[in-house]
Amino acid sequence: MYARPRRLRRTQIIRNLVSETKLDKDMFIYPYFVIPGKHFKEPIESMPGISHFSLDELLKDIEVGLKFGVNKILLFGVGNEKTEDASSAYAEKSIVVETLKELNDKFGDNLFVVTDVCICAYTTHGHCGLLKEGSVDNDSSLQVISQMALAHAEAGASMVAPSDMMDGRVGAIRETLDKNNLTETGIMSYSVKYASSYYGPFREAADSSPGKGDRKSYQMDFRNSREALREAELDEEEGADILMVKPALAYLDIIKEIKQISTLPVACYNVSGEYSMVKAAASAGFVDEKEIVMENMYAFSRAGADIIISYHTRDILEKGWL
């Protein structure tokens, strides 16, 4: 018997030597939820280990994270005024705009800040676009979304990440940024965002559940894969710098397909439901948390993800799981 694959599995050293998939700390982005107020850090019940932060507490937490290599974050604003027209999403005093200015003053180029661009947390109805006669109107929503991206870029966002899934929003944002001499601000597009049940805990965290109906008329149908390729190709044509797949764990096939058709970096979002299920199972003693988290991370990388957005990031880097 000449073929003995087990020879390359015999010890940890040789397994590491021949491993086909590698993870690196530079691949990870950590999400944060910032809220108005001071001296406030409140755990999010449905997402153990994740909290809402006021700006002053956020600065302290980021400073600690930087010591462990947590130098890329995805920022969500929570708690601004909700209106029909989502005007607080791009207001000069919005919590995200104020936070960006402070982050740049304190950390400068030592911190890479991506901001989520979506109006669901800023509207009274909770949808990701403006309503017209009871339905989400695509084209009128583009202007508001572009204004939000512009406000973030002007305040110092390293990159903006539109998550609304309106048709043409990447092109609209790119045009708006370029017209305002913000050509260096990148776009990480939620190119392939499915209408998923895995978002449950996030909607509590971001206070962004739709008041009526659902988001299936604009987020993707989870039964479709060819449609994902079309969405990714359109976003690339419109000027996206990074393509994202969301959720990640149940969509490894989609990550792989996007990776095969594009030369752009591919990100995946290990979303709140995926995170909370692991936390719950680990808390009950059903699984080893470190082992299952790292198995998931390697699965994302093996499928083709260059970038992993995960609520597990802090644990992975602080606890030395890599």
Protein backbone atom coordinates (compact mmCIF):
# COMPACT_ATOMS: atom_id res chain seq x y z
CA MET A 1 0.00 0.00 0.00
CA TYR A 2 1.80 3.12 -1.26
CA ALA A 3 -0.91 5.74 -0.70
CA ARG A 4 -1.16 6.51 3.01
CA PRO A 5 -2.74 9.95 3.48
CA ARG A 6 -2.56 9.49 7.25
CA ARG A 7 1.19 10.13 7.10
CA LEU A 8 0.38 13.83 6.71
CA ARG A 9 -2.00 13.81 9.70
CA ARG A 10 0.26 12.13 12.25
CA THR A 11 1.21 15.15 14.41
CA GLN A 12 -0.04 18.70 14.93
CA ILE A 13 3.15 20.11 13.42
CA ILE A 14 2.77 18.26 10.13
CA ARG A 15 -0.97 18.99 10.00
CA ASN A 16 -0.15 22.69 10.31
CA LEU A 17 2.55 22.38 7.68
CA VAL A 18 0.27 20.94 5.02
CA SER A 19 -3.00 22.68 5.93
CA GLU A 20 -4.73 24.01 2.83
CA THR A 21 -6.62 26.81 4.59
CA LYS A 22 -5.01 29.53 6.68
CA LEU A 23 -6.50 32.15 8.98
CA ASP A 24 -4.85 35.41 9.92
CA LYS A 25 -5.82 38.14 12.39
CA ASP A 26 -5.87 40.66 9.55
CA MET A 27 -8.91 38.92 8.04
CA PHE A 28 -11.27 39.82 10.89
CA ILE A 29 -13.67 42.74 11.39
CA TYR A 30 -15.52 43.27 14.68
CA PRO A 31 -19.03 44.84 14.76
CA TYR A 32 -19.94 47.51 17.32
CA PHE A 33 -23.27 49.12 18.28
CA VAL A 34 -23.00 52.75 19.39
CA ILE A 35 -25.85 54.67 21.06
CA PRO A 36 -26.39 58.26 22.25
CA GLY A 37 -25.57 59.16 25.84
CA LYS A 38 -22.66 58.84 28.25
CA HIS A 39 -21.22 56.22 30.61
CA PHE A 40 -23.37 53.52 29.08
CA LYS A 41 -22.47 49.92 28.34
CA GLU A 42 -25.43 47.57 28.30
CA PRO A 43 -25.21 43.88 27.36
CA ILE A 44 -27.49 42.77 24.53
CA GLU A 45 -29.50 39.92 26.01
CA SER A 46 -29.84 37.88 22.83
CA MET A 47 -26.14 38.23 21.95
CA PRO A 48 -24.05 37.16 24.98
CA GLY A 49 -20.77 39.06 25.14
CA ILE A 50 -21.97 41.90 22.86
CA SER A 51 -23.11 45.29 24.20
CA HIS A 52 -24.51 48.67 23.30
CA PHE A 53 -21.87 51.35 23.94
CA SER A 54 -22.12 55.07 24.44
CA LEU A 55 -19.33 56.92 22.66
CA ASP A 56 -17.12 57.38 25.72
CA GLU A 57 -17.35 53.68 26.63
CA LEU A 58 -16.82 52.68 23.01
CA LEU A 59 -13.53 54.58 22.89
CA LYS A 60 -12.33 52.70 25.97
CA ASP A 61 -13.34 49.33 24.58
CA ILE A 62 -11.70 49.93 21.21
CA GLU A 63 -8.50 50.99 22.96
CA VAL A 64 -8.40 47.64 24.75
CA GLY A 65 -9.20 45.73 21.57
CA LEU A 66 -6.39 47.41 19.65
CA LYS A 67 -3.87 45.85 22.02
CA PHE A 68 -4.97 42.44 20.75
CA GLY A 69 -5.13 43.38 17.06
CA VAL A 70 -8.81 44.30 16.80
CA ASN A 71 -8.10 47.20 14.43
CA LYS A 72 -10.97 46.91 11.96
CA ILE A 73 -14.56 47.53 13.04
CA LEU A 74 -18.02 47.68 11.48
CA LEU A 75 -20.04 50.45 13.11
CA PHE A 76 -23.82 50.48 13.60
CA GLY A 77 -25.71 53.46 15.01
CA VAL A 78 -28.67 52.82 17.31
CA GLY A 79 -31.06 55.18 19.04
CA ASN A 80 -31.33 58.16 16.71
CA GLU A 81 -34.70 59.76 16.03
CA LYS A 82 -36.96 57.69 13.78
CA THR A 83 -38.87 59.52 11.03
CA GLU A 84 -40.70 58.60 7.86
CA ASP A 85 -37.96 60.14 5.70
CA ALA A 86 -35.00 58.79 7.74
CA SER A 87 -33.48 62.28 7.91
CA SER A 88 -31.58 61.46 11.12
CA ALA A 89 -29.57 58.85 9.18
CA TYR A 90 -27.47 61.61 7.59
CA ALA A 91 -27.87 64.37 10.17
CA GLU A 92 -24.77 66.29 11.22
CA LYS A 93 -25.37 65.22 14.82
CA SER A 94 -26.18 61.58 14.13
CA ILE A 95 -24.50 59.18 16.54
CA VAL A 96 -22.42 57.58 13.78
CA VAL A 97 -21.15 60.91 12.46
CA GLU A 98 -20.20 62.08 15.96
CA THR A 99 -18.54 58.74 16.69
CA LEU A 100 -16.51 58.80 13.49
CA LYS A 101 -15.07 62.21 14.31
CA GLU A 102 -14.01 61.06 17.77
CA LEU A 103 -12.54 57.81 16.47
CA ASN A 104 -10.44 59.65 13.91
CA ASP A 105 -9.23 62.16 16.48
CA LYS A 106 -8.23 59.46 18.96
CA PHE A 107 -7.00 56.59 16.78
CA GLY A 108 -6.30 58.00 13.31
CA ASP A 109 -4.94 55.43 10.88
CA ASN A 110 -4.52 52.84 13.64
CA LEU A 111 -8.22 51.99 13.30
CA PHE A 112 -10.06 51.10 10.08
CA VAL A 113 -13.74 51.97 10.40
CA VAL A 114 -16.43 50.58 8.11
CA THR A 115 -19.91 52.03 8.62
CA ASP A 116 -23.15 50.24 7.91
CA VAL A 117 -25.27 52.30 5.52
CA CYS A 118 -28.95 51.46 5.83
CA ILE A 119 -31.95 53.47 6.98
CA CYS A 120 -33.92 50.71 8.73
CA ALA A 121 -32.87 51.90 12.21
CA TYR A 122 -33.80 55.49 11.33
CA THR A 123 -37.33 55.03 9.96
CA THR A 124 -40.59 54.74 11.86
CA HIS A 125 -41.56 51.74 9.74
CA GLY A 126 -38.25 49.87 10.07
CA HIS A 127 -37.73 49.14 6.38
CA CYS A 128 -34.45 49.64 4.51
CA GLY A 129 -35.94 52.08 2.02
CA LEU A 130 -38.55 54.83 1.91
CA LEU A 131 -42.19 53.79 1.67
CA LYS A 132 -44.45 54.92 -1.13
CA GLU A 133 -48.07 53.79 -1.06
CA GLY A 134 -47.15 51.10 1.43
CA SER A 135 -44.28 49.60 -0.56
CA VAL A 136 -40.53 50.19 -0.41
CA ASP A 137 -39.69 52.56 -3.25
CA ASN A 138 -36.30 51.81 -4.73
CA ASP A 139 -35.33 54.97 -6.59
CA SER A 140 -36.38 57.58 -4.02
CA SER A 141 -34.47 55.57 -1.40
CA LEU A 142 -31.20 55.91 -3.29
CA GLN A 143 -30.89 59.60 -2.55
CA VAL A 144 -31.27 59.12 1.21
CA ILE A 145 -28.88 56.16 1.25
CA SER A 146 -26.31 58.15 -0.73
CA GLN A 147 -26.65 61.11 1.65
CA MET A 148 -26.06 58.78 4.59
CA ALA A 149 -22.94 57.35 2.96
CA LEU A 150 -21.71 60.88 2.19
CA ALA A 151 -22.22 62.00 5.80
CA HIS A 152 -20.20 59.04 7.03
CA ALA A 153 -17.42 59.57 4.51
CA GLU A 154 -17.14 63.27 5.30
CA ALA A 155 -16.90 62.41 9.01
CA GLY A 156 -13.98 60.10 8.31
CA ALA A 157 -15.29 56.60 7.56
CA SER A 158 -12.58 54.47 5.95
CA MET A 159 -15.22 52.55 4.02
CA VAL A 160 -19.02 52.52 3.75
CA ALA A 161 -21.07 49.34 3.59
CA PRO A 162 -24.55 49.68 2.04
CA SER A 163 -26.76 46.87 3.37
CA ASP A 164 -30.18 47.95 2.09
CA MET A 165 -30.24 45.86 -1.13
CA MET A 166 -31.83 48.62 -3.22
CA ASP A 167 -31.04 48.24 -6.92
CA GLY A 168 -28.35 50.66 -8.06
CA ARG A 169 -27.28 51.87 -4.64
CA VAL A 170 -23.59 51.12 -5.10
CA GLY A 171 -23.47 53.22 -8.25
CA ALA A 172 -25.45 56.02 -6.60
CA ILE A 173 -23.11 56.07 -3.60
CA ARG A 174 -19.99 55.93 -5.75
CA GLU A 175 -21.20 58.83 -7.87
CA THR A 176 -22.09 60.89 -4.80
CA LEU A 177 -18.75 60.26 -3.10
CA ASP A 178 -16.77 61.04 -6.23
CA LYS A 179 -18.66 64.29 -6.85
CA ASN A 180 -17.68 65.37 -3.33
CA ASN A 181 -13.96 64.56 -3.77
CA LEU A 182 -14.18 61.43 -1.65
CA THR A 183 -12.75 59.10 -4.24
CA GLU A 184 -10.60 57.30 -1.67
CA THR A 185 -13.54 56.19 0.46
CA GLY A 186 -14.18 52.53 -0.33
CA ILE A 187 -17.44 50.63 -0.67
CA MET A 188 -17.91 47.22 0.89
CA SER A 189 -21.20 46.17 -0.62
CA TYR A 190 -23.61 43.78 1.02
CA SER A 191 -23.85 42.38 -2.49
CA VAL A 192 -25.54 39.11 -1.61
CA LYS A 193 -27.80 39.64 1.39
CA TYR A 194 -30.47 37.04 1.88
CA ALA A 195 -33.81 37.48 3.64
CA SER A 196 -32.77 35.27 6.52
CA SER A 197 -34.06 34.08 9.88
CA TYR A 198 -30.47 34.25 11.15
CA TYR A 199 -30.82 38.00 11.74
CA GLY A 200 -33.15 37.73 14.74
CA PRO A 201 -30.81 38.85 17.55
CA PHE A 202 -29.41 41.70 15.43
CA ARG A 203 -32.84 43.25 15.02
CA GLU A 204 -33.08 43.53 18.78
CA ALA A 205 -29.56 44.98 18.95
CA ALA A 206 -30.15 47.55 16.21
CA ASP A 207 -33.84 48.20 16.97
CA SER A 208 -34.53 47.72 13.28
CA SER A 209 -37.38 45.23 12.90
CA PRO A 210 -39.90 46.20 10.22
CA GLY A 211 -43.20 47.37 11.67
CA LYS A 212 -45.24 45.64 9.00
CA GLY A 213 -44.44 42.95 6.48
CA ASP A 214 -40.97 41.61 5.84
CA ARG A 215 -37.93 42.35 3.68
CA LYS A 216 -38.38 39.66 1.09
CA SER A 217 -39.20 42.15 -1.67
CA TYR A 218 -35.66 43.53 -1.57
CA GLN A 219 -33.43 41.03 0.25
CA MET A 220 -32.63 37.88 -1.68
CA ASP A 221 -34.60 34.64 -1.74
CA PHE A 222 -32.53 31.98 0.04
CA ARG A 223 -33.56 29.41 -2.56
CA ASN A 224 -31.53 31.22 -5.24
CA SER A 225 -27.85 31.03 -6.09
CA ARG A 226 -27.57 32.22 -9.72
CA GLU A 227 -29.24 35.45 -8.66
CA ALA A 228 -26.36 35.97 -6.22
CA LEU A 229 -23.89 36.00 -9.09
CA ARG A 230 -25.93 38.63 -10.90
CA GLU A 231 -26.08 40.84 -7.80
CA ALA A 232 -22.33 40.56 -7.26
CA GLU A 233 -21.53 41.33 -10.89
CA LEU A 234 -23.78 44.40 -10.87
CA ASP A 235 -22.16 45.75 -7.71
CA GLU A 236 -18.69 45.23 -9.16
CA GLU A 237 -19.71 47.11 -12.32
CA GLU A 238 -21.12 49.96 -10.20
CA GLY A 239 -17.86 50.45 -8.31
CA ALA A 240 -17.83 48.20 -5.25
CA ASP A 241 -14.38 47.53 -3.80
CA ILE A 242 -15.35 44.48 -1.71
CA LEU A 243 -18.26 42.07 -2.18
CA MET A 244 -19.98 40.65 0.88
CA VAL A 245 -22.13 37.55 1.41
CA LYS A 246 -24.58 37.58 4.33
CA PRO A 247 -25.28 35.32 6.24
CA ALA A 248 -22.20 33.10 6.06
CA LEU A 249 -22.65 29.70 7.67
CA ALA A 250 -25.58 28.45 5.61
CA TYR A 251 -24.22 30.12 2.45
CA LEU A 252 -20.74 28.65 2.04
CA ASP A 253 -21.64 27.60 -1.49
CA ILE A 254 -22.46 31.22 -2.35
CA ILE A 255 -19.16 32.48 -0.93
CA LYS A 256 -17.35 29.98 -3.13
CA GLU A 257 -19.30 30.90 -6.26
CA ILE A 258 -18.71 34.64 -5.77
CA LYS A 259 -15.02 34.00 -5.23
CA GLN A 260 -14.82 32.12 -8.52
CA ILE A 261 -16.42 34.85 -10.65
CA SER A 262 -14.76 37.96 -9.21
CA THR A 263 -11.24 39.22 -8.62
CA LEU A 264 -12.48 41.55 -5.88
CA PRO A 265 -11.95 40.61 -2.22
CA VAL A 266 -14.88 38.62 -0.83
CA ALA A 267 -16.20 39.21 2.68
CA CYS A 268 -18.69 37.17 4.65
CA TYR A 269 -20.79 38.24 7.63
CA ASN A 270 -21.02 35.65 10.40
CA VAL A 271 -24.32 37.07 11.61
CA SER A 272 -26.02 37.41 14.99
CA GLY A 273 -28.12 34.24 14.82
CA GLU A 274 -25.09 32.15 13.92
CA TYR A 275 -23.17 33.73 16.79
CA SER A 276 -25.93 33.38 19.37
CA MET A 277 -26.61 29.73 18.51
CA VAL A 278 -22.96 28.90 19.17
CA LYS A 279 -23.03 30.84 22.44
CA ALA A 280 -26.22 29.11 23.57
CA ALA A 281 -24.94 25.64 22.72
CA ALA A 282 -21.62 26.32 24.44
CA SER A 283 -23.37 27.70 27.51
CA ALA A 284 -25.46 24.53 27.73
CA GLY A 285 -22.35 22.40 27.48
CA PHE A 286 -23.39 20.88 24.15
CA VAL A 287 -20.26 22.04 22.26
CA ASP A 288 -16.75 23.31 22.92
CA GLU A 289 -17.00 27.01 22.08
CA LYS A 290 -13.43 27.54 20.89
CA GLU A 291 -13.43 24.41 18.73
CA ILE A 292 -16.75 25.09 17.01
CA VAL A 293 -16.00 28.79 16.48
CA MET A 294 -12.69 28.04 14.83
CA GLU A 295 -14.23 25.26 12.72
CA ASN A 296 -16.72 27.81 11.42
CA MET A 297 -13.99 30.38 10.73
CA TYR A 298 -11.93 27.90 8.75
CA ALA A 299 -15.07 26.92 6.83
CA PHE A 300 -15.56 30.55 5.77
CA SER A 301 -11.95 30.83 4.65
CA ARG A 302 -12.02 27.44 2.93
CA ALA A 303 -15.08 28.54 0.95
CA GLY A 304 -13.16 31.57 -0.29
CA ALA A 305 -13.76 34.43 2.15
CA ASP A 306 -10.87 36.89 2.31
CA ILE A 307 -12.56 38.90 5.08
CA ILE A 308 -14.65 37.62 8.00
CA ILE A 309 -17.00 39.92 9.90
CA SER A 310 -17.81 38.18 13.16
CA TYR A 311 -18.96 38.89 16.70
CA HIS A 312 -16.50 36.16 17.72
CA THR A 313 -13.56 38.33 16.60
CA ARG A 314 -12.79 39.72 20.04
CA ASP A 315 -12.68 36.24 21.61
CA ILE A 316 -10.60 34.84 18.76
CA LEU A 317 -7.92 37.51 19.04
CA GLU A 318 -7.93 38.21 22.79
CA LYS A 319 -7.94 34.54 23.78
CA GLY A 320 -5.34 33.54 21.22
CA TRP A 321 -7.56 31.02 19.43
CA LEU A 322 -5.63 31.53 16.18
